[in-house]
Protein backbone atom coordinates (compact mmCIF):
# COMPACT_ATOMS: atom_id res chain seq x y z
CA MET A 1 -4.61 -33.46 1.63
CA LEU A 2 -2.57 -30.50 2.83
CA LEU A 3 -1.39 -28.14 0.08
CA SER A 4 0.83 -25.23 1.11
CA GLY A 5 -1.18 -24.58 4.23
CA LEU A 6 -4.54 -24.89 2.44
CA ILE A 7 -6.59 -28.01 3.23
CA ILE A 8 -8.42 -29.23 0.14
CA CYS A 9 -10.95 -32.07 0.17
CA SER A 10 -12.68 -34.10 -2.48
CA PRO A 11 -16.50 -34.11 -2.61
CA HIS A 12 -18.17 -35.90 0.30
CA GLU A 13 -14.81 -36.32 2.05
CA LEU A 14 -14.70 -36.06 5.83
CA LEU A 15 -12.34 -33.33 6.97
CA LEU A 16 -10.75 -33.37 10.41
CA ARG A 17 -10.29 -29.74 11.45
CA HIS A 18 -9.33 -28.66 14.96
CA GLY A 19 -10.37 -32.09 16.21
CA THR A 20 -13.87 -31.89 14.71
CA ILE A 21 -15.10 -34.00 11.80
CA VAL A 22 -16.86 -31.87 9.20
CA SER A 23 -18.76 -33.38 6.30
CA VAL A 24 -17.87 -31.70 3.03
CA THR A 25 -20.52 -32.14 0.35
CA HIS A 26 -19.58 -29.47 -2.18
CA THR A 27 -17.40 -29.75 -5.26
CA THR A 28 -13.65 -29.56 -5.02
CA LEU A 29 -12.22 -26.05 -5.27
CA PRO A 30 -10.45 -25.48 -8.62
CA ARG A 31 -6.82 -24.86 -7.73
CA ALA A 32 -4.40 -22.54 -9.47
CA SER A 33 -3.87 -24.33 -12.76
CA TYR A 34 -0.23 -23.39 -13.15
CA ASP A 35 3.04 -24.61 -11.69
CA ARG A 36 4.25 -21.98 -9.21
CA THR A 37 7.72 -23.46 -8.77
CA GLY A 38 9.10 -21.68 -11.84
CA LEU A 39 7.70 -18.24 -10.99
CA THR A 40 9.95 -15.29 -10.17
CA THR A 41 9.14 -11.97 -8.54
CA GLY A 42 8.77 -9.00 -10.86
CA ILE A 43 6.40 -6.93 -8.70
CA VAL A 44 6.93 -5.85 -5.12
CA HIS A 45 3.68 -4.68 -3.54
CA PHE A 46 3.33 -2.53 -0.41
CA GLY A 47 0.01 -2.85 1.42
CA VAL A 48 -1.28 -6.37 0.88
CA GLY A 49 -4.86 -6.25 2.08
CA GLY A 50 -8.21 -7.45 0.88
CA PHE A 51 -8.40 -5.03 -2.01
CA HIS A 52 -4.98 -5.87 -3.44
CA ARG A 53 -5.74 -9.57 -3.19
CA ALA A 54 -9.12 -9.08 -4.92
CA HIS A 55 -7.74 -6.79 -7.61
CA GLN A 56 -4.10 -6.47 -8.72
CA ALA A 57 -3.09 -9.93 -7.50
CA MET A 58 -6.17 -11.38 -9.18
CA PHE A 59 -5.26 -9.82 -12.53
CA VAL A 60 -1.73 -11.24 -12.34
CA ASP A 61 -3.19 -14.61 -11.36
CA LYS A 62 -5.29 -14.53 -14.54
CA LEU A 63 -2.15 -14.04 -16.60
CA LEU A 64 -0.35 -16.86 -14.83
CA ALA A 65 -3.32 -19.15 -15.41
CA ARG A 66 -3.04 -18.39 -19.14
CA GLY A 67 0.50 -19.74 -19.08
CA GLY A 68 2.39 -16.44 -19.24
CA ALA A 69 3.84 -13.68 -17.04
CA HIS A 70 6.06 -16.14 -15.14
CA GLU A 71 8.52 -13.36 -14.33
CA TRP A 72 5.77 -11.10 -12.91
CA ALA A 73 4.78 -12.85 -9.68
CA ILE A 74 4.32 -10.71 -6.59
CA CYS A 75 6.29 -10.22 -3.40
CA GLY A 76 4.12 -8.61 -0.73
CA VAL A 77 5.63 -6.20 1.80
CA GLY A 78 4.16 -5.07 5.11
CA VAL A 79 5.42 -2.07 7.05
CA LEU A 80 2.71 -1.53 9.69
CA PRO A 81 2.10 -3.48 12.91
CA GLY A 82 -1.23 -4.65 11.54
CA ASP A 83 0.56 -6.34 8.63
CA ARG A 84 2.09 -8.93 10.94
CA ARG A 85 -0.97 -11.19 10.76
CA MET A 86 -0.98 -11.03 6.95
CA ARG A 87 2.65 -12.16 7.03
CA ASP A 88 1.79 -15.08 9.28
CA VAL A 89 -1.21 -16.22 7.23
CA LEU A 90 0.38 -15.88 3.80
CA THR A 91 3.61 -17.49 4.95
CA ALA A 92 1.71 -20.47 6.35
CA GLN A 93 -0.31 -20.77 3.12
CA ASP A 94 2.66 -20.31 0.77
CA GLY A 95 1.16 -17.02 -0.39
CA GLN A 96 -2.07 -18.68 -1.54
CA TYR A 97 -5.58 -17.69 -0.53
CA THR A 98 -9.14 -18.01 -1.74
CA LEU A 99 -11.01 -15.29 -3.62
CA SER A 100 -14.79 -15.69 -3.52
CA VAL A 101 -17.02 -13.68 -5.85
CA VAL A 102 -20.47 -13.42 -4.30
CA GLU A 103 -23.48 -12.58 -6.46
CA PRO A 104 -26.63 -10.77 -5.25
CA ASP A 105 -28.51 -14.09 -5.34
CA GLY A 106 -26.05 -15.51 -2.80
CA SER A 107 -24.14 -17.77 -5.18
CA TRP A 108 -20.38 -18.10 -4.68
CA ASP A 109 -17.56 -18.63 -7.16
CA THR A 110 -14.33 -19.43 -5.32
CA ARG A 111 -10.82 -19.88 -6.69
CA VAL A 112 -7.31 -20.12 -5.26
CA ILE A 113 -5.06 -17.17 -6.10
CA GLY A 114 -1.37 -18.05 -6.37
CA SER A 115 0.26 -14.90 -7.74
CA ILE A 116 1.83 -13.87 -4.41
CA ILE A 117 4.90 -16.07 -3.98
CA GLU A 118 6.74 -14.17 -1.21
CA TYR A 119 5.88 -11.94 1.74
CA LEU A 120 8.34 -9.77 3.66
CA TYR A 121 7.60 -7.94 6.89
CA ALA A 122 9.83 -4.88 6.97
CA PRO A 123 9.93 -4.31 10.77
CA ASP A 124 11.49 -7.75 11.19
CA ASP A 125 14.04 -7.47 8.39
CA PRO A 126 14.20 -4.17 6.48
CA GLU A 127 17.38 -5.30 4.74
CA ALA A 128 15.53 -8.21 3.10
CA VAL A 129 13.05 -5.72 1.65
CA LEU A 130 15.85 -3.48 0.38
CA VAL A 131 17.63 -6.43 -1.25
CA LYS A 132 14.39 -7.33 -3.02
CA LEU A 133 13.87 -3.74 -4.19
CA ALA A 134 17.43 -3.55 -5.51
CA ASP A 135 17.16 -6.87 -7.35
CA PRO A 136 17.21 -6.28 -11.13
CA ALA A 137 14.34 -8.77 -11.44
CA THR A 138 12.07 -6.33 -9.58
CA ARG A 139 10.62 -4.08 -12.25
CA ILE A 140 7.45 -2.71 -10.65
CA VAL A 141 6.77 -1.51 -7.10
CA SER A 142 3.03 -1.16 -6.59
CA LEU A 143 1.14 0.49 -3.75
CA THR A 144 -2.20 0.20 -1.96
CA ILE A 145 -1.27 2.16 1.15
CA THR A 146 -4.67 3.99 1.46
CA GLU A 147 -5.47 7.60 0.75
CA GLY A 148 -3.82 8.72 3.97
CA GLY A 149 -0.60 6.80 3.37
CA TYR A 150 1.02 9.38 1.11
CA GLY A 151 1.68 11.97 3.78
CA ILE A 152 -0.10 14.74 1.84
CA ASP A 153 -1.16 17.92 3.63
CA ALA A 154 -4.87 18.31 2.81
CA VAL A 155 -4.60 22.09 2.44
CA THR A 156 -1.28 22.58 0.63
CA GLY A 157 -1.40 19.32 -1.34
CA GLU A 158 2.30 18.85 -0.64
CA PHE A 159 4.23 16.15 1.18
CA ASP A 160 4.31 16.72 4.95
CA ALA A 161 8.01 16.50 5.73
CA SER A 162 7.35 17.46 9.36
CA ALA A 163 5.67 14.15 10.21
CA PRO A 164 7.63 12.47 13.04
CA ALA A 165 8.21 9.24 11.09
CA VAL A 166 9.59 11.18 8.13
CA VAL A 167 11.84 13.32 10.32
CA ALA A 168 13.20 10.21 12.03
CA GLU A 169 13.83 8.48 8.73
CA LEU A 170 15.73 11.43 7.27
CA ALA A 171 18.16 11.47 10.21
CA PRO A 172 21.72 10.33 9.43
CA ASN A 173 22.15 6.55 9.37
CA ALA A 174 18.46 5.93 9.99
CA VAL A 175 17.18 2.47 9.09
CA PRO A 176 14.35 2.74 6.54
CA ALA A 177 11.01 1.90 8.13
CA THR A 178 8.30 3.63 6.10
CA VAL A 179 7.26 3.00 2.52
CA PHE A 180 8.99 6.29 1.60
CA GLY A 181 12.30 5.33 3.15
CA LEU A 182 12.27 1.78 1.82
CA VAL A 183 11.32 2.64 -1.77
CA VAL A 184 13.73 5.57 -2.00
CA GLU A 185 16.60 3.55 -0.51
CA GLY A 186 15.83 0.76 -2.97
CA LEU A 187 16.04 3.25 -5.83
CA ALA A 188 19.26 4.73 -4.41
CA ARG A 189 20.88 1.28 -4.37
CA ARG A 190 19.85 0.65 -7.96
CA ARG A 191 21.25 4.02 -9.01
CA ALA A 192 24.55 3.31 -7.25
CA ALA A 193 24.77 -0.11 -8.90
CA GLY A 194 23.90 1.18 -12.36
CA ILE A 195 20.59 -0.73 -12.41
CA ALA A 196 17.65 0.92 -14.13
CA PRO A 197 14.89 2.02 -11.72
CA PHE A 198 11.67 0.15 -11.23
CA THR A 199 8.27 1.69 -11.99
CA VAL A 200 6.31 2.97 -8.98
CA MET A 201 2.64 2.12 -9.59
CA SER A 202 0.09 3.62 -7.21
CA CYS A 203 -3.25 1.81 -7.03
CA ASP A 204 -4.91 3.99 -4.39
CA ASN A 205 -8.11 6.04 -4.67
CA ILE A 206 -6.43 9.39 -5.20
CA GLU A 207 -6.97 11.72 -8.13
CA GLY A 208 -3.79 11.61 -10.20
CA ASN A 209 -2.36 8.92 -7.95
CA GLY A 210 0.75 8.52 -10.12
CA HIS A 211 1.44 12.24 -10.01
CA VAL A 212 0.90 12.23 -6.24
CA ALA A 213 3.29 9.31 -5.79
CA GLN A 214 5.90 11.05 -7.94
CA ARG A 215 5.60 14.20 -5.87
CA VAL A 216 5.86 12.57 -2.45
CA PHE A 217 8.63 10.11 -3.24
CA GLY A 218 10.52 12.78 -5.16
CA THR A 219 10.20 15.23 -2.28
CA PHE A 220 11.38 12.66 0.24
CA ALA A 221 14.33 11.77 -1.97
CA ARG A 222 15.37 15.41 -2.46
CA LEU A 223 15.26 15.97 1.29
CA ARG A 224 17.62 13.05 1.66
CA ASP A 225 19.85 13.78 -1.36
CA PRO A 226 18.99 16.44 -3.97
CA ALA A 227 20.84 14.56 -6.71
CA LEU A 228 18.90 11.38 -5.95
CA GLY A 229 15.66 13.33 -6.08
CA GLU A 230 16.52 14.75 -9.49
CA TRP A 231 17.43 11.27 -10.78
CA ILE A 232 14.10 9.84 -9.58
CA GLU A 233 12.18 12.69 -11.17
CA ARG A 234 14.04 12.17 -14.44
CA GLU A 235 14.23 8.38 -14.65
CA VAL A 236 11.36 6.79 -12.71
CA LYS A 237 7.91 6.28 -14.22
CA PHE A 238 4.83 6.78 -12.03
CA PRO A 239 1.78 5.69 -14.05
CA ASN A 240 -1.66 6.87 -13.03
CA SER A 241 -4.37 4.30 -12.51
CA MET A 242 -8.03 3.89 -11.63
CA VAL A 243 -8.98 0.81 -9.65
CA ASP A 244 -12.44 -0.39 -8.71
CA ARG A 245 -13.79 -3.41 -6.88
CA ILE A 246 -15.84 -3.25 -3.72
CA THR A 247 -14.00 -5.45 -1.23
CA PRO A 248 -15.22 -5.25 2.36
CA VAL A 249 -13.22 -6.31 5.38
CA THR A 250 -13.29 -10.09 5.49
CA PRO A 251 -16.19 -11.05 7.79
CA PRO A 252 -15.40 -13.43 10.67
CA GLU A 253 -17.63 -16.14 9.23
CA ALA A 254 -15.96 -16.14 5.80
CA SER A 255 -13.43 -18.87 6.58
CA GLY A 256 -16.18 -21.18 7.75
CA GLU A 257 -18.31 -20.40 4.72
CA VAL A 258 -15.42 -21.14 2.35
CA LEU A 259 -14.79 -24.41 4.18
CA ARG A 260 -18.47 -25.36 4.05
CA ARG A 261 -18.84 -24.59 0.36
CA THR A 262 -15.51 -25.85 -0.97
CA GLY A 263 -13.74 -27.95 1.63
CA ILE A 264 -10.78 -25.60 1.82
CA THR A 265 -9.34 -24.10 4.98
CA ASP A 266 -8.17 -20.53 4.45
CA GLU A 267 -7.31 -18.43 7.49
CA TRP A 268 -7.84 -15.13 5.66
CA PRO A 269 -10.07 -15.46 2.58
CA VAL A 270 -11.22 -12.56 0.43
CA VAL A 271 -14.88 -12.01 -0.44
CA THR A 272 -15.77 -9.54 -3.17
CA GLU A 273 -18.23 -8.59 -5.89
CA SER A 274 -18.15 -9.72 -9.51
CA PHE A 275 -17.46 -6.22 -10.87
CA SER A 276 -13.82 -5.24 -11.30
CA GLN A 277 -12.14 -2.49 -13.29
CA TRP A 278 -8.57 -1.32 -13.71
CA VAL A 279 -7.68 1.55 -16.02
CA LEU A 280 -3.91 1.97 -16.20
CA GLU A 281 -1.66 4.49 -17.91
CA ASP A 282 0.73 2.65 -20.20
CA SER A 283 3.95 4.23 -18.89
CA PHE A 284 6.55 1.85 -17.43
CA THR A 285 10.31 2.05 -16.96
CA LEU A 286 11.22 -1.63 -17.42
CA GLY A 287 8.23 -3.15 -19.13
CA ARG A 288 5.09 -4.62 -17.62
CA PRO A 289 2.94 -7.74 -17.64
CA PRO A 290 0.52 -8.05 -20.59
CA TYR A 291 -2.22 -6.69 -18.36
CA GLU A 292 -4.60 -6.12 -21.26
CA GLU A 293 -4.82 -9.91 -21.73
CA ALA A 294 -6.41 -10.08 -18.26
CA GLY A 295 -8.92 -7.32 -18.95
CA VAL A 296 -7.02 -4.22 -17.79
CA GLN A 297 -7.74 -1.10 -19.84
CA MET A 298 -4.34 0.29 -20.89
CA VAL A 299 -4.77 3.95 -21.85
CA ARG A 300 -2.80 7.12 -22.45
CA ASP A 301 -4.91 9.27 -20.12
CA VAL A 302 -6.50 7.85 -16.98
CA ALA A 303 -7.86 11.17 -15.68
CA PRO A 304 -11.41 10.98 -17.11
CA TYR A 305 -11.91 7.47 -15.73
CA GLU A 306 -10.52 8.22 -12.29
CA LEU A 307 -12.63 11.38 -11.92
CA MET A 308 -15.69 9.33 -12.81
CA LYS A 309 -14.92 6.73 -10.17
CA LEU A 310 -13.81 9.09 -7.39
CA ARG A 311 -16.63 11.61 -7.78
CA LEU A 312 -19.42 9.15 -8.53
CA LEU A 313 -18.72 5.87 -6.77
CA ASN A 314 -16.37 6.91 -3.96
CA ALA A 315 -18.19 10.14 -3.14
CA SER A 316 -21.51 8.28 -3.22
CA HIS A 317 -20.09 5.84 -0.69
CA GLN A 318 -19.69 8.84 1.62
CA GLY A 319 -23.24 9.85 0.80
CA VAL A 320 -24.40 6.45 2.07
CA ALA A 321 -22.05 6.31 5.04
CA TYR A 322 -23.03 9.00 7.57
CA PHE A 323 -26.68 9.33 6.59
CA GLY A 324 -26.90 5.55 6.70
CA GLN A 325 -25.40 5.36 10.18
CA LEU A 326 -27.69 8.12 11.45
CA CYS A 327 -30.75 6.40 9.94
CA GLY A 328 -29.88 3.22 11.80
CA TYR A 329 -28.40 1.16 8.98
CA ARG A 330 -25.27 -0.87 9.63
CA PHE A 331 -24.75 -2.49 6.24
CA VAL A 332 -24.31 -0.66 2.95
CA HIS A 333 -26.85 -2.79 1.09
CA GLU A 334 -29.56 -1.91 3.63
CA ALA A 335 -29.21 1.80 2.89
CA ALA A 336 -28.70 1.35 -0.86
CA GLN A 337 -31.92 -0.67 -1.11
CA ASP A 338 -33.84 2.19 0.50
CA PRO A 339 -35.57 4.18 -2.29
CA LEU A 340 -34.86 7.43 -0.42
CA PHE A 341 -31.10 6.80 -0.54
CA ASP A 342 -31.39 5.74 -4.18
CA ARG A 343 -33.00 9.07 -5.09
CA PHE A 344 -30.50 11.06 -3.03
CA LEU A 345 -27.46 9.40 -4.59
CA MET A 346 -28.84 9.73 -8.11
CA ARG A 347 -29.58 13.41 -7.51
CA TYR A 348 -26.04 13.99 -6.24
CA MET A 349 -24.47 12.12 -9.16
CA ASP A 350 -26.69 13.59 -11.88
CA ARG A 351 -26.85 17.23 -10.82
CA GLU A 352 -23.63 17.87 -8.92
CA ALA A 353 -20.89 15.35 -9.70
CA THR A 354 -21.52 14.56 -13.38
CA PRO A 355 -21.14 18.20 -14.53
CA THR A 356 -17.58 18.17 -13.13
CA LEU A 357 -16.50 15.19 -15.26
CA ARG A 358 -14.63 15.15 -18.54
CA PRO A 359 -15.72 13.09 -21.58
CA ILE A 360 -15.04 9.41 -20.85
CA PRO A 361 -14.38 7.30 -23.95
CA GLY A 362 -16.50 4.19 -24.19
CA VAL A 363 -18.48 4.74 -20.96
CA ASP A 364 -22.26 5.03 -20.68
CA LEU A 365 -22.48 7.33 -17.64
CA ASP A 366 -26.18 6.72 -17.01
CA LEU A 367 -25.53 2.97 -16.92
CA TYR A 368 -22.45 3.45 -14.74
CA LYS A 369 -24.41 5.45 -12.16
CA ARG A 370 -27.28 2.98 -12.03
CA THR A 371 -24.83 0.07 -11.80
CA THR A 372 -23.03 1.84 -8.95
CA ILE A 373 -26.14 1.82 -6.78
CA GLU A 374 -26.92 -1.77 -7.76
CA ARG A 375 -23.43 -2.74 -6.60
CA PHE A 376 -23.98 -0.95 -3.29
CA ALA A 377 -27.25 -2.85 -2.87
CA ASN A 378 -25.69 -6.32 -3.20
CA PRO A 379 -26.58 -7.99 0.14
CA ALA A 380 -24.19 -10.87 -0.45
CA ILE A 381 -21.13 -8.62 -0.05
CA GLY A 382 -21.98 -7.59 3.50
CA ASP A 383 -20.08 -4.31 3.24
CA THR A 384 -20.40 -2.29 6.44
CA ILE A 385 -21.35 1.33 6.99
CA ALA A 386 -18.51 1.50 9.53
CA ARG A 387 -15.94 0.76 6.82
CA LEU A 388 -17.20 3.64 4.70
CA CYS A 389 -17.19 6.00 7.67
CA ALA A 390 -13.57 5.28 8.64
CA GLU A 391 -10.81 7.80 7.91
CA SER A 392 -13.21 10.39 6.56
CA SER A 393 -10.65 13.19 6.88
CA ASP A 394 -8.65 11.45 4.15
CA ARG A 395 -11.65 10.68 1.96
CA ILE A 396 -13.97 13.68 2.02
CA PRO A 397 -11.24 16.16 0.91
CA LYS A 398 -10.35 13.97 -2.06
CA TRP A 399 -13.77 12.81 -3.22
CA VAL A 400 -16.43 15.35 -2.17
CA LEU A 401 -14.77 18.73 -1.61
CA PRO A 402 -13.38 18.95 -5.18
CA VAL A 403 -16.94 18.62 -6.50
CA ILE A 404 -18.07 21.44 -4.21
CA ARG A 405 -15.22 23.70 -5.27
CA GLU A 406 -15.81 23.15 -8.98
CA ARG A 407 -19.55 23.72 -8.65
CA LEU A 408 -18.99 26.90 -6.66
CA ALA A 409 -16.73 28.21 -9.42
CA VAL A 410 -19.57 27.98 -11.96
CA ASP A 411 -22.42 28.80 -9.58
CA GLY A 412 -23.63 25.21 -9.82
CA GLU A 413 -25.82 23.19 -7.48
CA ILE A 414 -24.13 21.92 -4.28
CA ALA A 415 -26.98 21.02 -1.92
CA CYS A 416 -26.35 17.27 -1.83
CA ALA A 417 -22.56 17.52 -1.57
CA ALA A 418 -22.88 20.10 1.22
CA ALA A 419 -25.32 17.78 2.99
CA ILE A 420 -22.82 14.91 2.76
CA VAL A 421 -20.26 17.10 4.53
CA ALA A 422 -22.86 18.12 7.13
CA SER A 423 -23.79 14.47 7.71
CA TRP A 424 -20.13 13.75 8.42
CA ALA A 425 -20.04 16.63 10.91
CA ARG A 426 -23.17 15.32 12.63
CA TYR A 427 -21.73 11.77 12.68
CA ALA A 428 -18.46 13.09 14.17
CA GLU A 429 -20.33 14.21 17.28
CA GLY A 430 -19.99 10.54 18.25
CA VAL A 431 -23.63 9.97 19.21
CA ASP A 432 -26.42 8.75 16.93
CA GLU A 433 -30.04 9.89 16.83
CA GLN A 434 -31.02 7.34 19.48
CA GLY A 435 -28.34 8.59 21.86
CA GLU A 436 -26.12 5.57 21.28
CA PRO A 437 -22.34 6.10 20.96
CA ILE A 438 -20.65 6.06 17.56
CA GLU A 439 -17.09 4.77 17.34
CA VAL A 440 -15.38 7.36 15.14
CA VAL A 441 -12.27 5.96 13.43
CA ASP A 442 -10.15 8.75 11.99
CA ARG A 443 -6.54 9.90 12.26
CA LEU A 444 -7.85 13.42 13.07
CA ARG A 445 -10.41 12.17 15.57
CA ASP A 446 -8.93 14.14 18.47
CA GLU A 447 -9.12 17.38 16.48
CA LEU A 448 -12.46 16.90 14.75
CA MET A 449 -14.70 15.40 17.43
CA PRO A 450 -14.36 18.35 19.85
CA LEU A 451 -15.21 20.70 16.97
CA ALA A 452 -18.25 18.60 16.06
CA ARG A 453 -19.46 18.65 19.65
CA ARG A 454 -19.34 22.47 19.70
CA GLN A 455 -21.55 22.87 16.64
CA ARG A 456 -24.83 22.79 18.53
CA THR A 457 -23.96 26.27 19.77
CA GLU A 458 -21.33 27.19 17.12
CA PRO A 459 -22.80 25.74 13.92
CA ALA A 460 -19.76 26.39 11.72
CA ALA A 461 -17.23 25.01 14.24
CA PHE A 462 -16.46 21.85 12.22
CA LEU A 463 -15.53 23.90 9.15
CA THR A 464 -12.81 25.72 11.09
CA ALA A 465 -10.57 22.66 10.61
CA ARG A 466 -8.64 24.26 7.77
CA THR A 467 -6.32 21.26 7.56
CA VAL A 468 -9.36 19.48 6.13
CA PHE A 469 -11.52 22.17 4.56
CA GLY A 470 -9.03 24.83 3.55
CA ASP A 471 -10.83 28.05 2.71
CA LEU A 472 -14.32 26.60 2.23
CA ILE A 473 -15.45 28.31 5.43
CA ASP A 474 -14.87 31.57 3.54
CA GLU A 475 -17.32 30.55 0.78
CA PRO A 476 -20.73 31.98 1.83
CA ARG A 477 -22.81 29.87 -0.56
CA PHE A 478 -21.26 26.63 0.66
CA VAL A 479 -21.55 27.65 4.31
CA ARG A 480 -25.26 28.46 3.87
CA ALA A 481 -25.99 25.09 2.26
CA TYR A 482 -23.91 23.25 4.86
CA LEU A 483 -25.54 25.02 7.82
CA ALA A 484 -29.03 24.43 6.45
CA ALA A 485 -28.35 20.69 6.18
CA LEU A 486 -26.71 20.55 9.61
CA GLU A 487 -29.61 22.38 11.26
CA SER A 488 -32.05 19.98 9.62
CA LEU A 489 -30.02 17.01 10.86
CA HIS A 490 -30.12 18.40 14.40
CA THR A 491 -33.79 19.40 14.44
CA LYS A 492 -35.50 16.95 12.06
CA GLY A 493 -33.11 14.03 11.74
CA ALA A 494 -31.32 12.32 8.88
CA ARG A 495 -34.32 10.79 7.12
CA ALA A 496 -36.31 14.01 7.04
CA THR A 497 -33.24 15.86 5.80
CA LEU A 498 -32.84 13.45 2.90
CA THR A 499 -36.54 13.66 2.10
CA GLU A 500 -36.37 17.44 1.81
CA LEU A 501 -33.22 17.26 -0.34
CA VAL A 502 -34.63 14.83 -2.90
CA GLY A 503 -37.92 16.72 -2.99
CA LYS A 504 -36.28 19.89 -4.30
CA GLY A 505 -36.58 20.61 -7.99
């Protein structure tokens, strides 16, 4: 039978798909157990990708399956050209998709997620998005727009108002096209109509993501209308959050695997790990779903949890990424299962990152660190080294450089963190140790790759990118550690460099 674009079969049923008969021998997929016809949108989400569908949408789906939160369904919004396909798939499937949790032993647990009931593509109809934002029923606007989506200058930490898209959007009578313009215009319409503002809830991997969102949206609003900016600063809540679930890019074979295992046709399934965590500051303008009933940790202060995740898990991902690529690995689990990488990551976490953390209520840090590497080593996820290497200029400054700066301030150990930065610089040369090309994906690629290619004769060239590194090139102890690692990478290779690092002390 055809259900909202998803083809669901009974056990042993023969499914005709694209003219081919496929024998389905697995059990029927459990569908969303709730009636979606009575749901209304309470959350508008910008940046519907794999992570959002594996995380925030999953938590709302749990609440809906319990028989509550009917007024908190999700309307997805896309603003980028790449979001067009998500619009097409979700529209065809009535917002539904499959979420498959894959265990290290290869077992799958698949369910249909039904919490997204609308999807709007802003380039086609920005007014429809603005109407939705201004609707009193919309009480939360959430964001997974990536670390680089906030327009923050890496050196100043402030919103970059000189970006061409921002300049264009601030021109008189401009039609909102970016997340900044759309959200701020939505708030402006609510203010003009006397409607209380929605909460803006960032779910991106940024330290103090709520504070960052408040700063960038407030700055944009003040540039447009100082009074509007003051109103947003005074009236709008921007809760901080920490989110965690490893969700790789959906592999090409996932749709076929879901079909084979469950008999369901899903054009864009999500495959993820069993671990999930969401720590959320309980600060909302117009109420919120009962997230705690779905397992969300509602707290007064998110900061200790987010520092733990960013500086242990996310920074360790960067520790796997470039060294892994240079050692010839292409999947994260391959590197994480290597005892040398295990020792390197544990050394970094134990001796460099952990001393920068604050006390974390209810968390066993030793268990968290060991679990982190076990999660990396899960072969069933199929997470790629390439995914971890992408957009490094947004990630390294937020996850690794703060550890270096804090350790420098107390004369602490920095060898592993400096080596992670050096491995990025070596990777950015665009050629691996076998002479094969590396496809560097980064918004600053055109600036950073020429610098990386000069470092064979000018070893500190990469660090001159002050838009990324700020004044770290002026810190002699960091530069020494960085140059030592880079020289070792050039003369001995990645594996020998790691071996020397883990053999110290």
